[in-house]
Amino acid sequence: MTKVAIIGSAACANKFIETIKKHGKHTEFMLQFLPENLPAIIDDIEIFKKKIPREIFDADVICDYSGHKDIVYALAGVKKVVSPKCFCAADISEEFGIPEFEVEIDKDNGIIKNITVTKSSPCGASYFLADKLKGLKIDEALSKVGLLTQHACRGSGGPLGTIHAAAEIHKKALKDAIGKKI
């Protein structure tokens, strides 16, 4: 059982908590710490570290959604800290991180009969995609996967936003799964 703790609050963090509770068989959500009134620079990491609940340090993985560059210093020495810009690109546990799918394809007509999520993005967009892409022809599914990911994604938008990275990551996962079957 992988124990996950979260620092910070963002739409992605809150969705990850929901996704763990709904789909996590081998991943357990421990707790969320919401640091308040953080200065732009944390001068004394030890003082800040004392504000963090001790249970956070018992986690196997701490996901830092705070967006604060100094928090990682307070977490030095913990088992694993994940603080990427795009959480779809993070290896969090055997169930959550870089998405992976298994597909069942009707080879006679090129239709995706079933999609199983073997590893989900933290926000759960992978499950949304698996549901929406069933029954589509392979080419159609590959053309829609990016847009559908962006519909479900809780990442940031704009030209440099993580929503585009999430779309590409999910598209690659679907391509890889299809490639294993055809």
N, C-alpha and C. Protein backbone atom coordinates (compact mmCIF):
# COMPACT_ATOMS: atom_id res chain seq x y z
N MET A 1 0.86 -1.18 0.00
CA MET A 1 0.00 0.00 0.00
C MET A 1 0.90 1.24 0.00
N THR A 2 0.73 2.08 -1.00
CA THR A 2 1.47 3.34 -1.09
C THR A 2 0.66 4.42 -0.39
N LYS A 3 1.27 5.06 0.60
CA LYS A 3 0.60 6.14 1.33
C LYS A 3 1.00 7.48 0.72
N VAL A 4 -0.03 8.27 0.36
CA VAL A 4 0.19 9.55 -0.31
C VAL A 4 -0.31 10.68 0.57
N ALA A 5 0.52 11.71 0.71
CA ALA A 5 0.11 12.94 1.40
C ALA A 5 0.23 14.08 0.39
N ILE A 6 -0.56 15.11 0.61
CA ILE A 6 -0.59 16.23 -0.32
C ILE A 6 -0.35 17.53 0.44
N ILE A 7 0.50 18.37 -0.15
CA ILE A 7 0.72 19.71 0.38
C ILE A 7 0.17 20.68 -0.65
N GLY A 8 -0.68 21.58 -0.20
CA GLY A 8 -1.25 22.59 -1.08
C GLY A 8 -2.65 22.24 -1.52
N SER A 9 -3.27 23.22 -2.12
CA SER A 9 -4.63 23.04 -2.60
C SER A 9 -4.73 23.61 -4.00
N ALA A 10 -5.13 22.80 -4.89
CA ALA A 10 -5.38 23.21 -6.27
C ALA A 10 -6.47 22.30 -6.77
N ALA A 11 -7.06 22.66 -7.87
CA ALA A 11 -8.10 21.80 -8.43
C ALA A 11 -7.54 20.40 -8.69
N CYS A 12 -6.28 20.33 -9.14
CA CYS A 12 -5.65 19.03 -9.39
C CYS A 12 -5.50 18.23 -8.10
N ALA A 13 -5.08 18.88 -7.04
CA ALA A 13 -4.89 18.19 -5.76
C ALA A 13 -6.21 17.63 -5.25
N ASN A 14 -7.24 18.43 -5.29
CA ASN A 14 -8.54 17.99 -4.80
C ASN A 14 -9.10 16.85 -5.64
N LYS A 15 -8.88 16.91 -6.95
CA LYS A 15 -9.34 15.84 -7.83
C LYS A 15 -8.55 14.56 -7.58
N PHE A 16 -7.25 14.69 -7.28
CA PHE A 16 -6.43 13.52 -6.99
C PHE A 16 -6.94 12.81 -5.74
N ILE A 17 -7.29 13.57 -4.72
CA ILE A 17 -7.83 12.97 -3.50
C ILE A 17 -9.09 12.16 -3.83
N GLU A 18 -9.98 12.75 -4.62
CA GLU A 18 -11.20 12.04 -5.04
C GLU A 18 -10.87 10.77 -5.83
N THR A 19 -9.89 10.87 -6.72
CA THR A 19 -9.52 9.74 -7.57
C THR A 19 -8.93 8.61 -6.75
N ILE A 20 -8.08 8.93 -5.78
CA ILE A 20 -7.52 7.89 -4.90
C ILE A 20 -8.64 7.19 -4.15
N LYS A 21 -9.53 7.97 -3.58
CA LYS A 21 -10.62 7.39 -2.80
C LYS A 21 -11.53 6.50 -3.65
N LYS A 22 -11.73 6.88 -4.91
CA LYS A 22 -12.63 6.13 -5.78
C LYS A 22 -11.96 4.92 -6.43
N HIS A 23 -10.71 5.07 -6.87
CA HIS A 23 -10.07 4.04 -7.68
C HIS A 23 -8.84 3.39 -7.04
N GLY A 24 -8.34 3.94 -5.95
CA GLY A 24 -7.11 3.42 -5.37
C GLY A 24 -7.30 2.10 -4.63
N LYS A 25 -6.69 1.06 -5.15
CA LYS A 25 -6.74 -0.25 -4.49
C LYS A 25 -5.47 -0.47 -3.67
N HIS A 26 -4.37 0.11 -4.16
CA HIS A 26 -3.08 -0.07 -3.49
C HIS A 26 -2.46 1.28 -3.12
N THR A 27 -3.27 2.31 -3.15
CA THR A 27 -2.81 3.66 -2.82
C THR A 27 -3.78 4.24 -1.81
N GLU A 28 -3.23 4.79 -0.74
CA GLU A 28 -4.06 5.35 0.34
C GLU A 28 -3.76 6.83 0.50
N PHE A 29 -4.81 7.64 0.53
CA PHE A 29 -4.64 9.07 0.81
C PHE A 29 -4.55 9.25 2.32
N MET A 30 -3.47 9.86 2.80
CA MET A 30 -3.27 10.07 4.24
C MET A 30 -3.88 11.38 4.71
N LEU A 31 -3.33 12.49 4.23
CA LEU A 31 -3.81 13.80 4.65
C LEU A 31 -3.33 14.88 3.71
N GLN A 32 -3.95 16.03 3.84
CA GLN A 32 -3.60 17.20 3.05
C GLN A 32 -3.25 18.33 4.01
N PHE A 33 -2.11 18.97 3.75
CA PHE A 33 -1.67 20.11 4.54
C PHE A 33 -1.78 21.35 3.66
N LEU A 34 -2.48 22.36 4.18
CA LEU A 34 -2.69 23.59 3.43
C LEU A 34 -1.92 24.73 4.08
N PRO A 35 -0.68 24.98 3.64
CA PRO A 35 0.07 26.08 4.23
C PRO A 35 -0.60 27.42 3.91
N GLU A 36 -0.64 28.29 4.90
CA GLU A 36 -1.30 29.59 4.72
C GLU A 36 -0.30 30.73 4.82
N ASN A 37 -0.60 31.80 4.13
CA ASN A 37 0.16 33.05 4.20
C ASN A 37 1.66 32.83 4.03
N LEU A 38 2.04 32.10 3.02
CA LEU A 38 3.46 31.86 2.80
C LEU A 38 4.12 33.09 2.18
N PRO A 39 5.28 33.46 2.69
CA PRO A 39 6.01 34.57 2.07
C PRO A 39 6.58 34.11 0.72
N ALA A 40 6.99 35.04 -0.10
CA ALA A 40 7.57 34.69 -1.40
C ALA A 40 8.82 33.84 -1.23
N ILE A 41 9.57 34.12 -0.18
CA ILE A 41 10.77 33.34 0.15
C ILE A 41 10.66 32.90 1.60
N ILE A 42 10.84 31.61 1.83
CA ILE A 42 10.83 31.10 3.21
C ILE A 42 12.27 31.15 3.69
N ASP A 43 12.56 32.11 4.57
CA ASP A 43 13.93 32.31 5.04
C ASP A 43 14.39 31.20 5.97
N ASP A 44 13.54 30.78 6.88
CA ASP A 44 13.93 29.77 7.85
C ASP A 44 13.10 28.50 7.62
N ILE A 45 13.70 27.59 6.90
CA ILE A 45 13.01 26.34 6.55
C ILE A 45 12.65 25.54 7.80
N GLU A 46 13.50 25.56 8.81
CA GLU A 46 13.22 24.77 10.02
C GLU A 46 11.97 25.26 10.75
N ILE A 47 11.75 26.56 10.78
CA ILE A 47 10.53 27.09 11.41
C ILE A 47 9.31 26.63 10.61
N PHE A 48 9.39 26.72 9.29
CA PHE A 48 8.27 26.28 8.46
C PHE A 48 8.05 24.78 8.61
N LYS A 49 9.13 24.02 8.66
CA LYS A 49 9.03 22.55 8.76
C LYS A 49 8.25 22.14 10.01
N LYS A 50 8.38 22.90 11.09
CA LYS A 50 7.67 22.59 12.33
C LYS A 50 6.16 22.78 12.19
N LYS A 51 5.74 23.57 11.20
CA LYS A 51 4.30 23.79 10.97
C LYS A 51 3.66 22.63 10.20
N ILE A 52 4.47 21.83 9.57
CA ILE A 52 3.96 20.71 8.78
C ILE A 52 3.58 19.57 9.73
N PRO A 53 2.38 19.03 9.61
CA PRO A 53 1.99 17.91 10.48
C PRO A 53 2.97 16.74 10.33
N ARG A 54 3.35 16.15 11.44
CA ARG A 54 4.33 15.05 11.45
C ARG A 54 3.91 13.89 10.55
N GLU A 55 2.59 13.65 10.47
CA GLU A 55 2.10 12.52 9.68
C GLU A 55 2.48 12.63 8.20
N ILE A 56 2.65 13.85 7.74
CA ILE A 56 3.06 14.06 6.34
C ILE A 56 4.35 13.29 6.06
N PHE A 57 5.25 13.29 7.03
CA PHE A 57 6.56 12.68 6.83
C PHE A 57 6.51 11.15 6.87
N ASP A 58 5.36 10.58 7.25
CA ASP A 58 5.18 9.13 7.24
C ASP A 58 4.73 8.63 5.87
N ALA A 59 4.39 9.52 4.99
CA ALA A 59 3.90 9.14 3.66
C ALA A 59 5.02 8.53 2.83
N ASP A 60 4.64 7.63 1.94
CA ASP A 60 5.61 7.08 0.98
C ASP A 60 5.89 8.10 -0.12
N VAL A 61 4.87 8.88 -0.46
CA VAL A 61 4.98 9.91 -1.49
C VAL A 61 4.29 11.17 -1.01
N ILE A 62 4.96 12.30 -1.13
CA ILE A 62 4.34 13.59 -0.85
C ILE A 62 4.21 14.32 -2.18
N CYS A 63 2.99 14.68 -2.52
CA CYS A 63 2.74 15.45 -3.74
C CYS A 63 2.63 16.91 -3.35
N ASP A 64 3.53 17.71 -3.87
CA ASP A 64 3.56 19.14 -3.55
C ASP A 64 2.82 19.92 -4.63
N TYR A 65 1.60 20.32 -4.32
CA TYR A 65 0.78 21.13 -5.21
C TYR A 65 0.82 22.61 -4.81
N SER A 66 1.72 22.97 -3.91
CA SER A 66 1.72 24.34 -3.37
C SER A 66 2.17 25.37 -4.39
N GLY A 67 3.02 24.97 -5.32
CA GLY A 67 3.56 25.92 -6.28
C GLY A 67 4.64 26.81 -5.69
N HIS A 68 5.03 26.56 -4.44
CA HIS A 68 6.04 27.38 -3.77
C HIS A 68 7.40 26.69 -3.90
N LYS A 69 8.37 27.43 -4.40
CA LYS A 69 9.68 26.84 -4.70
C LYS A 69 10.47 26.40 -3.47
N ASP A 70 10.17 26.95 -2.30
CA ASP A 70 10.96 26.63 -1.11
C ASP A 70 10.45 25.42 -0.33
N ILE A 71 9.23 24.99 -0.58
CA ILE A 71 8.67 23.90 0.22
C ILE A 71 9.46 22.61 0.08
N VAL A 72 10.00 22.36 -1.10
CA VAL A 72 10.77 21.12 -1.28
C VAL A 72 11.95 21.04 -0.32
N TYR A 73 12.50 22.17 0.09
CA TYR A 73 13.62 22.16 1.04
C TYR A 73 13.16 21.68 2.42
N ALA A 74 11.94 21.99 2.78
CA ALA A 74 11.40 21.54 4.06
C ALA A 74 11.12 20.04 4.04
N LEU A 75 11.05 19.47 2.86
CA LEU A 75 10.73 18.05 2.73
C LEU A 75 11.97 17.20 2.47
N ALA A 76 13.14 17.81 2.55
CA ALA A 76 14.37 17.07 2.32
C ALA A 76 14.45 15.87 3.26
N GLY A 77 14.82 14.74 2.69
CA GLY A 77 14.98 13.53 3.50
C GLY A 77 13.77 12.63 3.55
N VAL A 78 12.63 13.06 3.01
CA VAL A 78 11.46 12.18 2.99
C VAL A 78 11.64 11.15 1.89
N LYS A 79 10.81 10.11 1.92
CA LYS A 79 10.96 9.00 0.99
C LYS A 79 10.91 9.45 -0.47
N LYS A 80 9.85 10.20 -0.82
CA LYS A 80 9.70 10.63 -2.21
C LYS A 80 8.82 11.88 -2.26
N VAL A 81 9.31 12.90 -2.93
CA VAL A 81 8.54 14.13 -3.13
C VAL A 81 8.32 14.30 -4.62
N VAL A 82 7.07 14.55 -4.99
CA VAL A 82 6.71 14.75 -6.38
C VAL A 82 6.19 16.18 -6.50
N SER A 83 6.85 16.96 -7.36
CA SER A 83 6.44 18.36 -7.51
C SER A 83 6.62 18.83 -8.95
N PRO A 84 6.10 18.07 -9.92
CA PRO A 84 6.28 18.48 -11.31
C PRO A 84 5.29 19.57 -11.70
N LYS A 85 5.55 20.18 -12.81
CA LYS A 85 4.60 21.16 -13.33
C LYS A 85 3.32 20.44 -13.77
N CYS A 86 3.47 19.28 -14.40
CA CYS A 86 2.33 18.49 -14.88
C CYS A 86 2.33 17.15 -14.14
N PHE A 87 1.32 16.93 -13.32
CA PHE A 87 1.28 15.71 -12.51
C PHE A 87 1.02 14.45 -13.33
N CYS A 88 0.55 14.58 -14.57
CA CYS A 88 0.41 13.42 -15.45
C CYS A 88 1.79 12.85 -15.81
N ALA A 89 2.82 13.64 -15.64
CA ALA A 89 4.18 13.23 -15.98
C ALA A 89 4.94 12.71 -14.76
N ALA A 90 4.27 12.56 -13.63
CA ALA A 90 4.93 12.14 -12.40
C ALA A 90 4.65 10.68 -12.09
N ASP A 91 5.65 9.98 -11.62
CA ASP A 91 5.47 8.60 -11.18
C ASP A 91 5.15 8.64 -9.69
N ILE A 92 3.88 8.45 -9.35
CA ILE A 92 3.45 8.59 -7.96
C ILE A 92 3.33 7.24 -7.28
N SER A 93 2.60 6.32 -7.90
CA SER A 93 2.45 4.97 -7.35
C SER A 93 2.18 4.02 -8.51
N GLU A 94 2.01 2.75 -8.21
CA GLU A 94 1.74 1.80 -9.28
C GLU A 94 0.40 2.06 -9.95
N GLU A 95 -0.49 2.78 -9.27
CA GLU A 95 -1.82 3.06 -9.81
C GLU A 95 -1.98 4.46 -10.39
N PHE A 96 -1.14 5.39 -9.98
CA PHE A 96 -1.32 6.79 -10.36
C PHE A 96 -0.02 7.42 -10.83
N GLY A 97 -0.12 8.20 -11.90
CA GLY A 97 1.04 8.88 -12.46
C GLY A 97 0.90 8.96 -13.96
N ILE A 98 1.94 8.57 -14.68
CA ILE A 98 1.91 8.59 -16.14
C ILE A 98 0.90 7.54 -16.59
N PRO A 99 -0.15 7.96 -17.29
CA PRO A 99 -1.24 7.03 -17.62
C PRO A 99 -0.82 5.86 -18.49
N GLU A 100 -1.50 4.74 -18.26
CA GLU A 100 -1.33 3.54 -19.07
C GLU A 100 -2.70 2.91 -19.29
N PHE A 101 -2.90 2.40 -20.49
CA PHE A 101 -4.16 1.76 -20.85
C PHE A 101 -3.90 0.37 -21.43
N GLU A 102 -4.92 -0.46 -21.36
CA GLU A 102 -4.99 -1.68 -22.16
C GLU A 102 -6.24 -1.54 -23.01
N VAL A 103 -6.14 -1.92 -24.27
CA VAL A 103 -7.29 -1.79 -25.16
C VAL A 103 -7.66 -3.14 -25.75
N GLU A 104 -8.93 -3.27 -26.04
CA GLU A 104 -9.45 -4.42 -26.77
C GLU A 104 -10.00 -3.85 -28.07
N ILE A 105 -9.50 -4.37 -29.19
CA ILE A 105 -9.85 -3.82 -30.50
C ILE A 105 -10.53 -4.89 -31.35
N ASP A 106 -11.61 -4.49 -32.00
CA ASP A 106 -12.24 -5.34 -33.00
C ASP A 106 -11.44 -5.13 -34.28
N LYS A 107 -10.61 -6.10 -34.63
CA LYS A 107 -9.69 -5.93 -35.76
C LYS A 107 -10.41 -5.91 -37.11
N ASP A 108 -11.61 -6.44 -37.16
CA ASP A 108 -12.35 -6.43 -38.42
C ASP A 108 -12.75 -5.03 -38.85
N ASN A 109 -13.13 -4.19 -37.88
CA ASN A 109 -13.58 -2.84 -38.23
C ASN A 109 -12.77 -1.73 -37.56
N GLY A 110 -11.72 -2.10 -36.81
CA GLY A 110 -10.84 -1.10 -36.20
C GLY A 110 -11.49 -0.28 -35.10
N ILE A 111 -12.47 -0.87 -34.42
CA ILE A 111 -13.16 -0.16 -33.34
C ILE A 111 -12.59 -0.59 -31.99
N ILE A 112 -12.42 0.38 -31.12
CA ILE A 112 -11.97 0.09 -29.75
C ILE A 112 -13.17 -0.42 -28.97
N LYS A 113 -13.13 -1.70 -28.63
CA LYS A 113 -14.26 -2.31 -27.92
C LYS A 113 -14.23 -2.00 -26.43
N ASN A 114 -13.02 -1.91 -25.88
CA ASN A 114 -12.90 -1.65 -24.44
C ASN A 114 -11.56 -1.00 -24.15
N ILE A 115 -11.53 -0.15 -23.15
CA ILE A 115 -10.29 0.45 -22.66
C ILE A 115 -10.27 0.27 -21.15
N THR A 116 -9.18 -0.31 -20.66
CA THR A 116 -8.99 -0.47 -19.23
C THR A 116 -7.86 0.45 -18.79
N VAL A 117 -8.09 1.19 -17.74
CA VAL A 117 -7.05 2.05 -17.18
C VAL A 117 -6.21 1.19 -16.25
N THR A 118 -4.93 1.01 -16.60
CA THR A 118 -4.04 0.25 -15.72
C THR A 118 -3.23 1.17 -14.82
N LYS A 119 -3.10 2.43 -15.23
CA LYS A 119 -2.49 3.46 -14.39
C LYS A 119 -3.15 4.77 -14.78
N SER A 120 -3.67 5.48 -13.81
CA SER A 120 -4.43 6.71 -14.08
C SER A 120 -3.61 7.96 -13.81
N SER A 121 -3.92 8.98 -14.57
CA SER A 121 -3.41 10.30 -14.22
C SER A 121 -3.99 10.64 -12.85
N PRO A 122 -3.29 11.43 -12.05
CA PRO A 122 -3.79 11.75 -10.71
C PRO A 122 -5.20 12.36 -10.69
N CYS A 123 -5.52 13.16 -11.69
CA CYS A 123 -6.83 13.83 -11.68
C CYS A 123 -7.97 12.91 -12.10
N GLY A 124 -7.64 11.73 -12.60
CA GLY A 124 -8.68 10.79 -13.02
C GLY A 124 -9.14 10.98 -14.45
N ALA A 125 -8.51 11.88 -15.20
CA ALA A 125 -8.90 12.09 -16.60
C ALA A 125 -8.82 10.80 -17.40
N SER A 126 -7.91 9.90 -17.02
CA SER A 126 -7.75 8.63 -17.74
C SER A 126 -9.05 7.82 -17.73
N TYR A 127 -9.74 7.82 -16.60
CA TYR A 127 -11.01 7.09 -16.52
C TYR A 127 -12.08 7.75 -17.39
N PHE A 128 -12.09 9.05 -17.42
CA PHE A 128 -13.02 9.79 -18.28
C PHE A 128 -12.78 9.41 -19.74
N LEU A 129 -11.51 9.38 -20.14
CA LEU A 129 -11.16 9.04 -21.52
C LEU A 129 -11.56 7.62 -21.87
N ALA A 130 -11.27 6.69 -20.97
CA ALA A 130 -11.59 5.29 -21.22
C ALA A 130 -13.08 5.12 -21.51
N ASP A 131 -13.89 5.86 -20.80
CA ASP A 131 -15.33 5.79 -21.00
C ASP A 131 -15.74 6.43 -22.34
N LYS A 132 -15.18 7.57 -22.65
CA LYS A 132 -15.59 8.33 -23.84
C LYS A 132 -15.05 7.76 -25.16
N LEU A 133 -13.93 7.04 -25.11
CA LEU A 133 -13.30 6.56 -26.34
C LEU A 133 -13.76 5.16 -26.76
N LYS A 134 -14.44 4.46 -25.88
CA LYS A 134 -14.97 3.13 -26.22
C LYS A 134 -15.95 3.26 -27.37
N GLY A 135 -15.83 2.33 -28.32
CA GLY A 135 -16.77 2.31 -29.44
C GLY A 135 -16.33 3.15 -30.63
N LEU A 136 -15.24 3.89 -30.48
CA LEU A 136 -14.75 4.72 -31.59
C LEU A 136 -13.74 3.94 -32.43
N LYS A 137 -13.65 4.32 -33.70
CA LYS A 137 -12.59 3.77 -34.55
C LYS A 137 -11.26 4.30 -34.02
N ILE A 138 -10.21 3.54 -34.26
CA ILE A 138 -8.88 3.89 -33.74
C ILE A 138 -8.49 5.31 -34.15
N ASP A 139 -8.61 5.65 -35.43
CA ASP A 139 -8.21 6.98 -35.90
C ASP A 139 -9.01 8.08 -35.22
N GLU A 140 -10.30 7.84 -35.05
CA GLU A 140 -11.16 8.83 -34.40
C GLU A 140 -10.77 9.00 -32.93
N ALA A 141 -10.50 7.89 -32.27
CA ALA A 141 -10.09 7.95 -30.85
C ALA A 141 -8.79 8.72 -30.70
N LEU A 142 -7.83 8.46 -31.60
CA LEU A 142 -6.55 9.16 -31.52
C LEU A 142 -6.70 10.65 -31.82
N SER A 143 -7.65 11.01 -32.65
CA SER A 143 -7.85 12.43 -32.94
C SER A 143 -8.62 13.14 -31.82
N LYS A 144 -9.39 12.40 -31.04
CA LYS A 144 -10.19 13.01 -29.97
C LYS A 144 -9.55 12.95 -28.59
N VAL A 145 -8.57 12.09 -28.39
CA VAL A 145 -8.03 11.88 -27.05
C VAL A 145 -7.47 13.17 -26.44
N GLY A 146 -6.77 13.98 -27.22
CA GLY A 146 -6.20 15.22 -26.70
C GLY A 146 -7.26 16.20 -26.24
N LEU A 147 -8.27 16.41 -27.07
CA LEU A 147 -9.35 17.34 -26.73
C LEU A 147 -10.11 16.85 -25.50
N LEU A 148 -10.41 15.56 -25.46
CA LEU A 148 -11.14 15.02 -24.30
C LEU A 148 -10.32 15.11 -23.02
N THR A 149 -9.00 14.92 -23.15
CA THR A 149 -8.13 15.08 -21.97
C THR A 149 -8.23 16.50 -21.45
N GLN A 150 -8.17 17.46 -22.35
CA GLN A 150 -8.23 18.86 -21.94
C GLN A 150 -9.58 19.21 -21.31
N HIS A 151 -10.62 18.51 -21.72
CA HIS A 151 -11.94 18.73 -21.12
C HIS A 151 -11.95 18.29 -19.65
N ALA A 152 -11.28 17.17 -19.37
CA ALA A 152 -11.29 16.61 -18.02
C ALA A 152 -10.16 17.13 -17.14
N CYS A 153 -9.11 17.65 -17.76
CA CYS A 153 -7.90 18.06 -17.03
C CYS A 153 -8.15 19.25 -16.12
N ARG A 154 -7.48 19.25 -14.98
CA ARG A 154 -7.57 20.35 -14.03
C ARG A 154 -6.31 21.22 -14.05
N GLY A 155 -5.43 20.95 -15.03
CA GLY A 155 -4.19 21.71 -15.13
C GLY A 155 -4.42 23.10 -15.69
N SER A 156 -3.34 23.85 -15.76
CA SER A 156 -3.42 25.23 -16.23
C SER A 156 -3.55 25.28 -17.75
N GLY A 157 -4.22 26.31 -18.24
CA GLY A 157 -4.41 26.49 -19.68
C GLY A 157 -3.41 27.49 -20.23
N GLY A 158 -3.66 27.96 -21.41
CA GLY A 158 -2.76 28.92 -22.05
C GLY A 158 -1.67 28.22 -22.82
N PRO A 159 -0.89 28.99 -23.58
CA PRO A 159 0.14 28.40 -24.45
C PRO A 159 1.18 27.56 -23.70
N LEU A 160 1.49 27.93 -22.48
CA LEU A 160 2.49 27.18 -21.71
C LEU A 160 1.85 26.32 -20.62
N GLY A 161 0.55 26.16 -20.67
CA GLY A 161 -0.18 25.45 -19.63
C GLY A 161 0.05 23.95 -19.64
N THR A 162 -0.16 23.34 -18.51
CA THR A 162 0.03 21.90 -18.35
C THR A 162 -1.06 21.09 -19.04
N ILE A 163 -2.16 21.72 -19.36
CA ILE A 163 -3.27 21.02 -20.00
C ILE A 163 -2.84 20.41 -21.35
N HIS A 164 -1.94 21.08 -22.05
CA HIS A 164 -1.46 20.59 -23.34
C HIS A 164 -0.52 19.40 -23.15
N ALA A 165 0.32 19.48 -22.12
CA ALA A 165 1.21 18.35 -21.81
C ALA A 165 0.38 17.13 -21.43
N ALA A 166 -0.66 17.33 -20.64
CA ALA A 166 -1.54 16.23 -20.23
C ALA A 166 -2.18 15.57 -21.45
N ALA A 167 -2.60 16.38 -22.41
CA ALA A 167 -3.21 15.84 -23.63
C ALA A 167 -2.22 14.98 -24.40
N GLU A 168 -0.99 15.46 -24.54
CA GLU A 168 0.04 14.70 -25.26
C GLU A 168 0.40 13.41 -24.52
N ILE A 169 0.47 13.47 -23.21
CA ILE A 169 0.80 12.28 -22.42
C ILE A 169 -0.28 11.22 -22.56
N HIS A 170 -1.54 11.62 -22.50
CA HIS A 170 -2.64 10.67 -22.67
C HIS A 170 -2.69 10.11 -24.09
N LYS A 171 -2.41 10.96 -25.08
CA LYS A 171 -2.41 10.48 -26.46
C LYS A 171 -1.32 9.43 -26.66
N LYS A 172 -0.15 9.67 -26.10
CA LYS A 172 0.94 8.69 -26.19
C LYS A 172 0.54 7.38 -25.51
N ALA A 173 -0.09 7.47 -24.35
CA ALA A 173 -0.52 6.26 -23.64
C ALA A 173 -1.50 5.45 -24.47
N LEU A 174 -2.43 6.13 -25.12
CA LEU A 174 -3.40 5.43 -25.97
C LEU A 174 -2.71 4.82 -27.18
N LYS A 175 -1.82 5.58 -27.82
CA LYS A 175 -1.07 5.05 -28.97
C LYS A 175 -0.28 3.81 -28.58
N ASP A 176 0.39 3.86 -27.42
CA ASP A 176 1.17 2.72 -26.96
C ASP A 176 0.28 1.49 -26.75
N ALA A 177 -0.88 1.69 -26.14
CA ALA A 177 -1.80 0.58 -25.89
C ALA A 177 -2.32 -0.01 -27.20
N ILE A 178 -2.65 0.85 -28.15
CA ILE A 178 -3.13 0.38 -29.45
C ILE A 178 -2.01 -0.36 -30.18
N GLY A 179 -0.80 0.19 -30.11
CA GLY A 179 0.35 -0.43 -30.76
C GLY A 179 0.63 -1.84 -30.28
N LYS A 180 0.29 -2.14 -29.06
CA LYS A 180 0.49 -3.50 -28.53
C LYS A 180 -0.54 -4.49 -29.07
N LYS A 181 -1.63 -3.96 -29.62
CA LYS A 181 -2.72 -4.83 -30.08
C LYS A 181 -2.82 -4.97 -31.59
N ILE A 182 -2.17 -4.07 -32.33
CA ILE A 182 -2.28 -4.18 -33.80
C ILE A 182 -0.92 -4.44 -34.43
